[in-house]
Every structure is written in C-alpha cells, then in structure tokens.
Amino acid sequence: MSFWRRLFGGGSAGGGDDLTPQRLDYLNEALALERQGDYDAALTSYRLALRDHPNDARILQNMAIAFTKTRRYDEAIRHYRRALELDSSLAGAHYGLAFLLLQRGDPDGAAQHLKTFLAHPPRGPDAQKWIEHATQTLHDLRTSGGGAAGAAGGAAGGGAGGAAAPARAADERTGSS
C-alpha cells in the first residue's frame, strides 16, 4: 500500500519508507559534460539549471561559452547579452561577447566590451594571457581604424578560443552560486 501512497502523494504512517526526491546538481553536471567535450549535453543541463535559477548570469555565461564551442554564435551572443543585463561585471562575458562581435563585423561593439573587460579584468593563473590578448586586439582595432576582423588572431576565427577562455577563470566559475 505504501507504493500507492507515494505514487499518489500520500505518505506512510511511519515515514520510514518515504522517498525524498534528490535535487540534481545540473550546473556541476553541465560543467563536467563540458570538460568531456559534450557541449550539447552540457547545454541541456545548463537549461535545467537555468530553469531552477532563471536569473543566474553565470549560468547564462556558461551557456554562451557552450554555444560558442558548438558554433551557434547568435545564441552565444544572445546569452552573453542576457548575462550582462543581469550582471554587468562579468569580465568573461565582456571578453567573449567582444570577440563574437568582432567576428560578426562590429568592431565598435567589440572595442566597447574589450574596454570594459580591461577595466575590471579577471584574476587567476591564466588571466594575464587573456588581458594581453584583449589589450593587443583593442590596440589593433584602434590602429586599423576599426576594420580589423583579423585583429583577434585565431580566437575569433573559430569562435571558441577567444570567446570562451577567460570565463573559465577561477573567480568567474558558476559553481559557487
């Protein structure tokens, strides 16, 4: 009889055989799937995490990174912008969006996000190379008159390199929400 009670919402008198549903940690699952290179599965887990936390800018940022790695650049741009609407201090989102905009032929928008990134850069062991990359790209944009789609080097070409990297710095991780 306890099976039917649990199935239809009733509890057992003793409480010993009640099943407590476990909340899945969709965010950590998504991060693990990304580390394995399964970006489509990671996006599914991010969507579930976002359902539980619809205004979590860092989940949106991580989704943008996964969209970038799967070459769905319009979705990546949309998710970076939504993340920045919620938290304009996300350095990784500014960096990623800058290189996607540069790839899309918007050097002015890219320069704006690179400047914001450089005003409040991330910290961490890999941060310096992203800061140098952003500085060089911004310099190239200024000296080329704004038409430097190639200013991003290899990062914007494939999308994944420049657009995703700094968001993975330790202080930008989503896992701490």
N, C-alpha and C. Protein backbone atom coordinates (compact mmCIF):
# COMPACT_ATOMS: atom_id res chain seq x y z
N MET A 1 0.81 -1.20 0.00
CA MET A 1 0.00 0.00 0.00
C MET A 1 0.85 1.27 0.00
N SER A 2 2.05 1.22 0.58
CA SER A 2 2.88 2.43 0.64
C SER A 2 3.30 2.88 -0.75
N PHE A 3 3.47 1.93 -1.69
CA PHE A 3 3.79 2.31 -3.06
C PHE A 3 2.72 3.22 -3.63
N TRP A 4 1.45 2.86 -3.45
CA TRP A 4 0.34 3.65 -3.99
C TRP A 4 0.26 5.01 -3.31
N ARG A 5 0.54 5.05 -2.02
CA ARG A 5 0.51 6.34 -1.32
C ARG A 5 1.59 7.27 -1.87
N ARG A 6 2.79 6.72 -2.04
CA ARG A 6 3.87 7.55 -2.58
C ARG A 6 3.54 7.99 -4.00
N LEU A 7 2.98 7.07 -4.79
CA LEU A 7 2.66 7.37 -6.16
C LEU A 7 1.63 8.49 -6.28
N PHE A 8 0.65 8.47 -5.41
CA PHE A 8 -0.43 9.46 -5.48
C PHE A 8 -0.33 10.55 -4.44
N GLY A 9 0.83 10.70 -3.85
CA GLY A 9 1.06 11.84 -2.97
C GLY A 9 0.81 11.60 -1.51
N GLY A 10 0.38 10.44 -1.13
CA GLY A 10 0.16 10.14 0.29
C GLY A 10 1.45 9.71 0.93
N GLY A 11 1.55 9.86 2.23
CA GLY A 11 2.75 9.44 2.93
C GLY A 11 2.46 8.18 3.72
N SER A 12 3.53 7.56 4.21
CA SER A 12 3.33 6.39 5.06
C SER A 12 3.28 6.84 6.50
N ALA A 13 2.60 6.09 7.33
CA ALA A 13 2.42 6.46 8.72
C ALA A 13 3.76 6.52 9.45
N GLY A 14 4.63 5.58 9.19
CA GLY A 14 5.90 5.54 9.90
C GLY A 14 6.92 6.50 9.32
N GLY A 15 6.77 6.89 8.09
CA GLY A 15 7.70 7.81 7.46
C GLY A 15 9.00 7.15 7.04
N GLY A 16 9.22 5.91 7.43
CA GLY A 16 10.48 5.25 7.13
C GLY A 16 10.65 4.89 5.66
N ASP A 17 9.55 4.68 4.95
CA ASP A 17 9.70 4.29 3.56
C ASP A 17 9.31 5.40 2.60
N ASP A 18 9.24 6.63 3.10
CA ASP A 18 9.02 7.77 2.20
C ASP A 18 10.28 7.99 1.37
N LEU A 19 10.10 8.29 0.12
CA LEU A 19 11.23 8.61 -0.74
C LEU A 19 11.35 10.12 -0.87
N THR A 20 12.47 10.65 -0.48
CA THR A 20 12.72 12.08 -0.61
C THR A 20 13.41 12.31 -1.94
N PRO A 21 12.79 13.08 -2.84
CA PRO A 21 13.46 13.29 -4.13
C PRO A 21 14.75 14.08 -3.95
N GLN A 22 15.77 13.67 -4.65
CA GLN A 22 17.06 14.35 -4.61
C GLN A 22 17.11 15.36 -5.74
N ARG A 23 17.50 16.60 -5.41
CA ARG A 23 17.69 17.61 -6.46
C ARG A 23 19.00 17.31 -7.17
N LEU A 24 18.93 17.23 -8.46
CA LEU A 24 20.15 17.04 -9.23
C LEU A 24 20.90 18.36 -9.33
N ASP A 25 22.20 18.29 -9.30
CA ASP A 25 23.03 19.47 -9.45
C ASP A 25 23.34 19.63 -10.93
N TYR A 26 22.40 20.24 -11.64
CA TYR A 26 22.52 20.36 -13.09
C TYR A 26 23.73 21.18 -13.50
N LEU A 27 24.06 22.18 -12.70
CA LEU A 27 25.20 23.03 -13.04
C LEU A 27 26.50 22.25 -13.05
N ASN A 28 26.77 21.52 -11.98
CA ASN A 28 28.01 20.74 -11.94
C ASN A 28 28.00 19.64 -12.99
N GLU A 29 26.84 19.09 -13.26
CA GLU A 29 26.73 18.10 -14.33
C GLU A 29 27.10 18.73 -15.67
N ALA A 30 26.60 19.94 -15.93
CA ALA A 30 26.91 20.64 -17.18
C ALA A 30 28.40 20.93 -17.29
N LEU A 31 29.01 21.37 -16.21
CA LEU A 31 30.44 21.67 -16.23
C LEU A 31 31.25 20.40 -16.51
N ALA A 32 30.83 19.29 -15.92
CA ALA A 32 31.53 18.03 -16.16
C ALA A 32 31.36 17.59 -17.62
N LEU A 33 30.17 17.75 -18.16
CA LEU A 33 29.93 17.38 -19.55
C LEU A 33 30.76 18.25 -20.50
N GLU A 34 30.89 19.52 -20.16
CA GLU A 34 31.73 20.40 -20.98
C GLU A 34 33.19 19.95 -20.95
N ARG A 35 33.67 19.59 -19.77
CA ARG A 35 35.06 19.12 -19.67
C ARG A 35 35.28 17.88 -20.53
N GLN A 36 34.22 17.08 -20.71
CA GLN A 36 34.31 15.89 -21.54
C GLN A 36 34.12 16.21 -23.03
N GLY A 37 33.78 17.46 -23.32
CA GLY A 37 33.59 17.87 -24.71
C GLY A 37 32.20 17.63 -25.25
N ASP A 38 31.26 17.26 -24.39
CA ASP A 38 29.88 17.01 -24.82
C ASP A 38 29.05 18.28 -24.59
N TYR A 39 29.21 19.24 -25.50
CA TYR A 39 28.61 20.56 -25.32
C TYR A 39 27.09 20.56 -25.47
N ASP A 40 26.57 19.71 -26.35
CA ASP A 40 25.12 19.65 -26.49
C ASP A 40 24.46 19.12 -25.22
N ALA A 41 25.03 18.08 -24.63
CA ALA A 41 24.50 17.56 -23.37
C ALA A 41 24.68 18.59 -22.26
N ALA A 42 25.81 19.29 -22.28
CA ALA A 42 26.05 20.33 -21.28
C ALA A 42 24.98 21.42 -21.39
N LEU A 43 24.63 21.79 -22.61
CA LEU A 43 23.59 22.81 -22.80
C LEU A 43 22.25 22.35 -22.23
N THR A 44 21.94 21.08 -22.37
CA THR A 44 20.71 20.55 -21.79
C THR A 44 20.74 20.71 -20.27
N SER A 45 21.86 20.37 -19.66
CA SER A 45 21.97 20.52 -18.21
C SER A 45 21.95 21.98 -17.78
N TYR A 46 22.59 22.85 -18.57
CA TYR A 46 22.53 24.29 -18.26
C TYR A 46 21.09 24.79 -18.33
N ARG A 47 20.33 24.33 -19.30
CA ARG A 47 18.93 24.76 -19.41
C ARG A 47 18.15 24.34 -18.17
N LEU A 48 18.41 23.15 -17.67
CA LEU A 48 17.74 22.68 -16.45
C LEU A 48 18.19 23.50 -15.24
N ALA A 49 19.48 23.82 -15.19
CA ALA A 49 19.98 24.67 -14.09
C ALA A 49 19.35 26.05 -14.17
N LEU A 50 19.21 26.56 -15.38
CA LEU A 50 18.62 27.89 -15.58
C LEU A 50 17.14 27.89 -15.19
N ARG A 51 16.48 26.78 -15.41
CA ARG A 51 15.08 26.65 -15.01
C ARG A 51 14.95 26.83 -13.49
N ASP A 52 15.90 26.27 -12.76
CA ASP A 52 15.89 26.40 -11.29
C ASP A 52 16.37 27.77 -10.83
N HIS A 53 17.23 28.42 -11.63
CA HIS A 53 17.79 29.73 -11.27
C HIS A 53 17.75 30.63 -12.50
N PRO A 54 16.57 31.15 -12.85
CA PRO A 54 16.42 31.86 -14.13
C PRO A 54 17.19 33.16 -14.25
N ASN A 55 17.64 33.72 -13.15
CA ASN A 55 18.38 34.98 -13.22
C ASN A 55 19.83 34.83 -12.82
N ASP A 56 20.38 33.65 -13.05
CA ASP A 56 21.78 33.41 -12.73
C ASP A 56 22.64 33.75 -13.95
N ALA A 57 23.30 34.88 -13.87
CA ALA A 57 24.09 35.38 -15.00
C ALA A 57 25.24 34.44 -15.35
N ARG A 58 25.78 33.76 -14.38
CA ARG A 58 26.92 32.89 -14.65
C ARG A 58 26.49 31.62 -15.39
N ILE A 59 25.29 31.15 -15.14
CA ILE A 59 24.79 30.02 -15.94
C ILE A 59 24.62 30.48 -17.39
N LEU A 60 24.06 31.66 -17.57
CA LEU A 60 23.90 32.20 -18.92
C LEU A 60 25.25 32.37 -19.61
N GLN A 61 26.24 32.83 -18.87
CA GLN A 61 27.58 32.99 -19.43
C GLN A 61 28.13 31.63 -19.85
N ASN A 62 27.98 30.64 -19.00
CA ASN A 62 28.48 29.30 -19.36
C ASN A 62 27.73 28.74 -20.56
N MET A 63 26.44 29.04 -20.66
CA MET A 63 25.68 28.60 -21.84
C MET A 63 26.24 29.28 -23.09
N ALA A 64 26.56 30.56 -22.98
CA ALA A 64 27.13 31.28 -24.12
C ALA A 64 28.44 30.64 -24.57
N ILE A 65 29.25 30.22 -23.63
CA ILE A 65 30.51 29.56 -23.96
C ILE A 65 30.23 28.25 -24.70
N ALA A 66 29.29 27.48 -24.19
CA ALA A 66 28.97 26.21 -24.85
C ALA A 66 28.39 26.45 -26.25
N PHE A 67 27.54 27.47 -26.38
CA PHE A 67 27.02 27.80 -27.72
C PHE A 67 28.15 28.21 -28.66
N THR A 68 29.13 28.94 -28.14
CA THR A 68 30.27 29.34 -28.96
C THR A 68 31.03 28.11 -29.42
N LYS A 69 31.24 27.18 -28.52
CA LYS A 69 32.00 25.98 -28.87
C LYS A 69 31.26 25.09 -29.86
N THR A 70 29.95 25.23 -29.93
CA THR A 70 29.18 24.46 -30.92
C THR A 70 28.86 25.32 -32.14
N ARG A 71 29.52 26.47 -32.23
CA ARG A 71 29.41 27.38 -33.38
C ARG A 71 27.99 27.94 -33.58
N ARG A 72 27.26 28.04 -32.50
CA ARG A 72 25.94 28.69 -32.55
C ARG A 72 26.11 30.11 -32.01
N TYR A 73 26.73 30.93 -32.85
CA TYR A 73 27.18 32.25 -32.41
C TYR A 73 26.04 33.20 -32.07
N ASP A 74 24.94 33.15 -32.80
CA ASP A 74 23.83 34.04 -32.48
C ASP A 74 23.27 33.74 -31.09
N GLU A 75 23.16 32.46 -30.77
CA GLU A 75 22.69 32.07 -29.43
C GLU A 75 23.70 32.49 -28.37
N ALA A 76 24.98 32.33 -28.69
CA ALA A 76 26.03 32.73 -27.74
C ALA A 76 25.94 34.23 -27.45
N ILE A 77 25.80 35.02 -28.50
CA ILE A 77 25.69 36.48 -28.32
C ILE A 77 24.47 36.81 -27.48
N ARG A 78 23.36 36.17 -27.76
CA ARG A 78 22.12 36.43 -27.00
C ARG A 78 22.31 36.10 -25.53
N HIS A 79 22.96 34.99 -25.23
CA HIS A 79 23.15 34.59 -23.84
C HIS A 79 24.18 35.47 -23.13
N TYR A 80 25.24 35.88 -23.83
CA TYR A 80 26.18 36.83 -23.22
C TYR A 80 25.47 38.13 -22.88
N ARG A 81 24.66 38.63 -23.80
CA ARG A 81 23.97 39.90 -23.55
C ARG A 81 23.00 39.78 -22.37
N ARG A 82 22.28 38.67 -22.29
CA ARG A 82 21.36 38.47 -21.17
C ARG A 82 22.14 38.38 -19.86
N ALA A 83 23.27 37.69 -19.87
CA ALA A 83 24.10 37.60 -18.67
C ALA A 83 24.56 38.98 -18.22
N LEU A 84 24.96 39.82 -19.19
CA LEU A 84 25.44 41.16 -18.85
C LEU A 84 24.31 42.07 -18.40
N GLU A 85 23.08 41.82 -18.87
CA GLU A 85 21.93 42.57 -18.34
C GLU A 85 21.76 42.29 -16.85
N LEU A 86 22.01 41.07 -16.46
CA LEU A 86 21.84 40.67 -15.06
C LEU A 86 23.04 41.04 -14.19
N ASP A 87 24.24 40.98 -14.77
CA ASP A 87 25.46 41.28 -14.02
C ASP A 87 26.49 41.88 -14.97
N SER A 88 26.55 43.17 -15.01
CA SER A 88 27.45 43.85 -15.96
C SER A 88 28.92 43.72 -15.59
N SER A 89 29.22 43.11 -14.45
CA SER A 89 30.61 42.98 -14.04
C SER A 89 31.26 41.67 -14.48
N LEU A 90 30.56 40.84 -15.22
CA LEU A 90 31.13 39.56 -15.66
C LEU A 90 32.19 39.79 -16.74
N ALA A 91 33.43 39.79 -16.33
CA ALA A 91 34.53 40.06 -17.26
C ALA A 91 34.55 39.07 -18.41
N GLY A 92 34.34 37.81 -18.11
CA GLY A 92 34.37 36.79 -19.16
C GLY A 92 33.29 36.99 -20.20
N ALA A 93 32.14 37.47 -19.79
CA ALA A 93 31.06 37.73 -20.74
C ALA A 93 31.43 38.89 -21.66
N HIS A 94 32.06 39.93 -21.11
CA HIS A 94 32.51 41.04 -21.95
C HIS A 94 33.55 40.56 -22.97
N TYR A 95 34.48 39.75 -22.50
CA TYR A 95 35.54 39.24 -23.37
C TYR A 95 34.94 38.37 -24.48
N GLY A 96 34.14 37.41 -24.10
CA GLY A 96 33.55 36.51 -25.09
C GLY A 96 32.69 37.24 -26.09
N LEU A 97 31.86 38.15 -25.61
CA LEU A 97 30.99 38.91 -26.49
C LEU A 97 31.82 39.79 -27.43
N ALA A 98 32.90 40.36 -26.93
CA ALA A 98 33.76 41.21 -27.77
C ALA A 98 34.25 40.45 -29.00
N PHE A 99 34.74 39.26 -28.80
CA PHE A 99 35.29 38.51 -29.93
C PHE A 99 34.22 37.98 -30.87
N LEU A 100 33.05 37.69 -30.34
CA LEU A 100 31.95 37.30 -31.23
C LEU A 100 31.48 38.50 -32.05
N LEU A 101 31.42 39.67 -31.43
CA LEU A 101 31.03 40.88 -32.18
C LEU A 101 32.07 41.22 -33.23
N LEU A 102 33.33 41.05 -32.88
CA LEU A 102 34.39 41.29 -33.85
C LEU A 102 34.24 40.35 -35.04
N GLN A 103 33.97 39.11 -34.76
CA GLN A 103 33.77 38.12 -35.81
C GLN A 103 32.56 38.48 -36.68
N ARG A 104 31.56 39.08 -36.08
CA ARG A 104 30.34 39.46 -36.79
C ARG A 104 30.47 40.80 -37.52
N GLY A 105 31.64 41.43 -37.42
CA GLY A 105 31.86 42.69 -38.14
C GLY A 105 31.42 43.93 -37.39
N ASP A 106 31.41 43.87 -36.06
CA ASP A 106 31.04 45.02 -35.24
C ASP A 106 32.24 45.44 -34.38
N PRO A 107 33.24 46.08 -34.99
CA PRO A 107 34.44 46.43 -34.23
C PRO A 107 34.17 47.45 -33.12
N ASP A 108 33.21 48.35 -33.32
CA ASP A 108 32.90 49.33 -32.27
C ASP A 108 32.32 48.64 -31.04
N GLY A 109 31.40 47.73 -31.25
CA GLY A 109 30.83 46.97 -30.13
C GLY A 109 31.89 46.12 -29.45
N ALA A 110 32.76 45.51 -30.27
CA ALA A 110 33.84 44.70 -29.71
C ALA A 110 34.77 45.57 -28.85
N ALA A 111 35.14 46.73 -29.36
CA ALA A 111 36.03 47.61 -28.62
C ALA A 111 35.41 48.03 -27.28
N GLN A 112 34.13 48.32 -27.29
CA GLN A 112 33.44 48.71 -26.05
C GLN A 112 33.54 47.59 -25.00
N HIS A 113 33.30 46.36 -25.42
CA HIS A 113 33.36 45.25 -24.46
C HIS A 113 34.79 44.92 -24.05
N LEU A 114 35.75 45.09 -24.95
CA LEU A 114 37.15 44.89 -24.57
C LEU A 114 37.58 45.92 -23.54
N LYS A 115 37.17 47.17 -23.72
CA LYS A 115 37.50 48.22 -22.74
C LYS A 115 36.90 47.89 -21.37
N THR A 116 35.66 47.43 -21.37
CA THR A 116 35.01 47.07 -20.10
C THR A 116 35.73 45.89 -19.46
N PHE A 117 36.09 44.91 -20.27
CA PHE A 117 36.85 43.75 -19.76
C PHE A 117 38.15 44.22 -19.12
N LEU A 118 38.88 45.09 -19.81
CA LEU A 118 40.18 45.54 -19.31
C LEU A 118 40.06 46.45 -18.09
N ALA A 119 38.93 47.13 -17.95
CA ALA A 119 38.72 47.98 -16.77
C ALA A 119 38.57 47.14 -15.50
N HIS A 120 38.04 45.93 -15.64
CA HIS A 120 37.84 45.03 -14.49
C HIS A 120 38.18 43.61 -14.92
N PRO A 121 39.46 43.33 -15.17
CA PRO A 121 39.84 42.01 -15.68
C PRO A 121 39.71 40.93 -14.60
N PRO A 122 39.61 39.68 -15.04
CA PRO A 122 39.55 38.58 -14.06
C PRO A 122 40.90 38.37 -13.40
N ARG A 123 40.88 37.64 -12.32
CA ARG A 123 42.12 37.26 -11.64
C ARG A 123 42.25 35.74 -11.79
N GLY A 124 43.44 35.29 -11.64
CA GLY A 124 43.67 33.85 -11.71
C GLY A 124 44.93 33.56 -12.49
N PRO A 125 45.30 32.29 -12.52
CA PRO A 125 46.58 31.92 -13.13
C PRO A 125 46.66 32.18 -14.63
N ASP A 126 45.54 32.09 -15.33
CA ASP A 126 45.56 32.29 -16.78
C ASP A 126 45.15 33.69 -17.20
N ALA A 127 44.78 34.53 -16.26
CA ALA A 127 44.19 35.83 -16.58
C ALA A 127 45.12 36.71 -17.42
N GLN A 128 46.41 36.67 -17.15
CA GLN A 128 47.33 37.57 -17.83
C GLN A 128 47.32 37.38 -19.34
N LYS A 129 47.24 36.15 -19.80
CA LYS A 129 47.26 35.95 -21.26
C LYS A 129 45.98 36.48 -21.91
N TRP A 130 44.85 36.44 -21.20
CA TRP A 130 43.61 36.98 -21.76
C TRP A 130 43.64 38.51 -21.74
N ILE A 131 44.23 39.06 -20.71
CA ILE A 131 44.39 40.52 -20.61
C ILE A 131 45.29 41.01 -21.75
N GLU A 132 46.39 40.31 -21.97
CA GLU A 132 47.30 40.69 -23.05
C GLU A 132 46.63 40.55 -24.41
N HIS A 133 45.86 39.50 -24.58
CA HIS A 133 45.15 39.28 -25.85
C HIS A 133 44.13 40.39 -26.09
N ALA A 134 43.38 40.75 -25.07
CA ALA A 134 42.39 41.82 -25.19
C ALA A 134 43.07 43.15 -25.46
N THR A 135 44.17 43.42 -24.78
CA THR A 135 44.91 44.66 -24.97
C THR A 135 45.43 44.76 -26.40
N GLN A 136 46.01 43.68 -26.89
CA GLN A 136 46.55 43.67 -28.26
C GLN A 136 45.43 43.84 -29.28
N THR A 137 44.32 43.16 -29.07
CA THR A 137 43.19 43.26 -30.01
C THR A 137 42.64 44.68 -30.03
N LEU A 138 42.49 45.28 -28.86
CA LEU A 138 42.00 46.66 -28.78
C LEU A 138 42.98 47.60 -29.47
N HIS A 139 44.26 47.40 -29.26
CA HIS A 139 45.28 48.21 -29.94
C HIS A 139 45.17 48.05 -31.46
N ASP A 140 45.02 46.81 -31.91
CA ASP A 140 44.89 46.55 -33.35
C ASP A 140 43.63 47.21 -33.92
N LEU A 141 42.55 47.19 -33.16
CA LEU A 141 41.32 47.84 -33.62
C LEU A 141 41.51 49.34 -33.76
N ARG A 142 42.20 49.93 -32.81
CA ARG A 142 42.43 51.38 -32.85
C ARG A 142 43.34 51.78 -34.01
N THR A 143 44.38 51.00 -34.25
CA THR A 143 45.35 51.36 -35.29
C THR A 143 44.86 51.02 -36.69
N SER A 144 43.88 50.12 -36.79
CA SER A 144 43.40 49.74 -38.12
C SER A 144 42.16 50.53 -38.52
N GLY A 145 41.71 51.42 -37.67
CA GLY A 145 40.52 52.21 -37.99
C GLY A 145 39.23 51.44 -37.77
N GLY A 146 39.28 50.35 -37.04
CA GLY A 146 38.05 49.65 -36.69
C GLY A 146 37.68 48.51 -37.60
N GLY A 147 38.39 48.30 -38.70
CA GLY A 147 38.00 47.23 -39.61
C GLY A 147 38.84 45.99 -39.45
N ALA A 148 39.27 45.69 -38.25
CA ALA A 148 40.21 44.61 -38.03
C ALA A 148 39.53 43.33 -37.61
N ALA A 149 38.83 42.70 -38.51
CA ALA A 149 38.22 41.41 -38.17
C ALA A 149 39.31 40.40 -37.86
N GLY A 150 40.47 40.58 -38.44
CA GLY A 150 41.59 39.69 -38.17
C GLY A 150 42.35 40.07 -36.91
N ALA A 151 41.97 41.15 -36.25
CA ALA A 151 42.69 41.62 -35.08
C ALA A 151 42.62 40.64 -33.93
N ALA A 152 41.65 39.78 -33.95
CA ALA A 152 41.51 38.83 -32.86
C ALA A 152 42.42 37.64 -33.01
N GLY A 153 43.18 37.60 -34.07
CA GLY A 153 44.04 36.45 -34.28
C GLY A 153 43.21 35.22 -34.52
N GLY A 154 43.61 34.10 -34.01
CA GLY A 154 42.88 32.85 -34.20
C GLY A 154 41.67 32.75 -33.31
N ALA A 155 41.54 33.62 -32.32
CA ALA A 155 40.47 33.46 -31.35
C ALA A 155 39.09 33.63 -31.93
N ALA A 156 38.89 34.65 -32.72
CA ALA A 156 37.55 34.87 -33.25
C ALA A 156 37.27 33.97 -34.43
N GLY A 157 38.30 33.54 -35.11
CA GLY A 157 38.08 32.71 -36.28
C GLY A 157 37.29 31.47 -35.98
N GLY A 158 37.67 30.71 -34.97
CA GLY A 158 36.94 29.50 -34.62
C GLY A 158 35.87 29.79 -33.60
N GLY A 159 35.94 30.94 -32.98
CA GLY A 159 34.92 31.30 -32.01
C GLY A 159 35.25 30.81 -30.61
N ALA A 160 35.69 29.60 -30.47
CA ALA A 160 35.82 29.02 -29.15
C ALA A 160 37.01 29.57 -28.38
N GLY A 161 38.12 29.81 -29.03
CA GLY A 161 39.33 30.20 -28.32
C GLY A 161 39.19 31.51 -27.58
N GLY A 162 38.93 32.58 -28.27
CA GLY A 162 38.88 33.88 -27.63
C GLY A 162 37.60 34.12 -26.88
N ALA A 163 36.51 33.62 -27.37
CA ALA A 163 35.22 33.94 -26.78
C ALA A 163 34.96 33.21 -25.48
N ALA A 164 35.63 32.12 -25.25
CA ALA A 164 35.28 31.31 -24.09
C ALA A 164 36.30 31.33 -22.98
N ALA A 165 37.53 31.60 -23.27
CA ALA A 165 38.60 31.31 -22.33
C ALA A 165 38.52 32.01 -20.98
N PRO A 166 38.42 33.34 -20.88
CA PRO A 166 38.55 33.94 -19.56
C PRO A 166 37.38 33.66 -18.64
N ALA A 167 36.26 33.28 -19.18
CA ALA A 167 35.11 32.99 -18.33
C ALA A 167 35.38 31.75 -17.48
N ARG A 168 36.39 31.01 -17.81
CA ARG A 168 36.71 29.82 -17.05
C ARG A 168 37.69 30.10 -15.91
N ALA A 169 38.10 31.36 -15.74
CA ALA A 169 38.98 31.69 -14.63
C ALA A 169 38.29 31.37 -13.31
N ALA A 170 39.06 31.08 -12.30
CA ALA A 170 38.52 30.60 -11.04
C ALA A 170 37.46 31.53 -10.44
N ASP A 171 37.66 32.83 -10.54
CA ASP A 171 36.69 33.74 -9.93
C ASP A 171 35.48 33.98 -10.80
N GLU A 172 35.43 33.40 -11.97
CA GLU A 172 34.30 33.56 -12.87
C GLU A 172 33.43 32.31 -12.91
N ARG A 173 33.81 31.25 -12.20
CA ARG A 173 33.09 29.99 -12.28
C ARG A 173 31.69 30.12 -11.73
N THR A 174 30.82 29.38 -12.28
CA THR A 174 29.43 29.40 -11.88
C THR A 174 29.17 28.51 -10.69
N GLY A 175 30.00 27.56 -10.46
CA GLY A 175 29.75 26.57 -9.45
C GLY A 175 29.57 27.11 -8.05
N SER A 176 29.85 28.38 -7.81
CA SER A 176 29.77 28.94 -6.46
C SER A 176 28.42 29.55 -6.13
N SER A 177 27.45 29.44 -7.05
CA SER A 177 26.15 30.04 -6.79
C SER A 177 25.45 29.22 -5.78
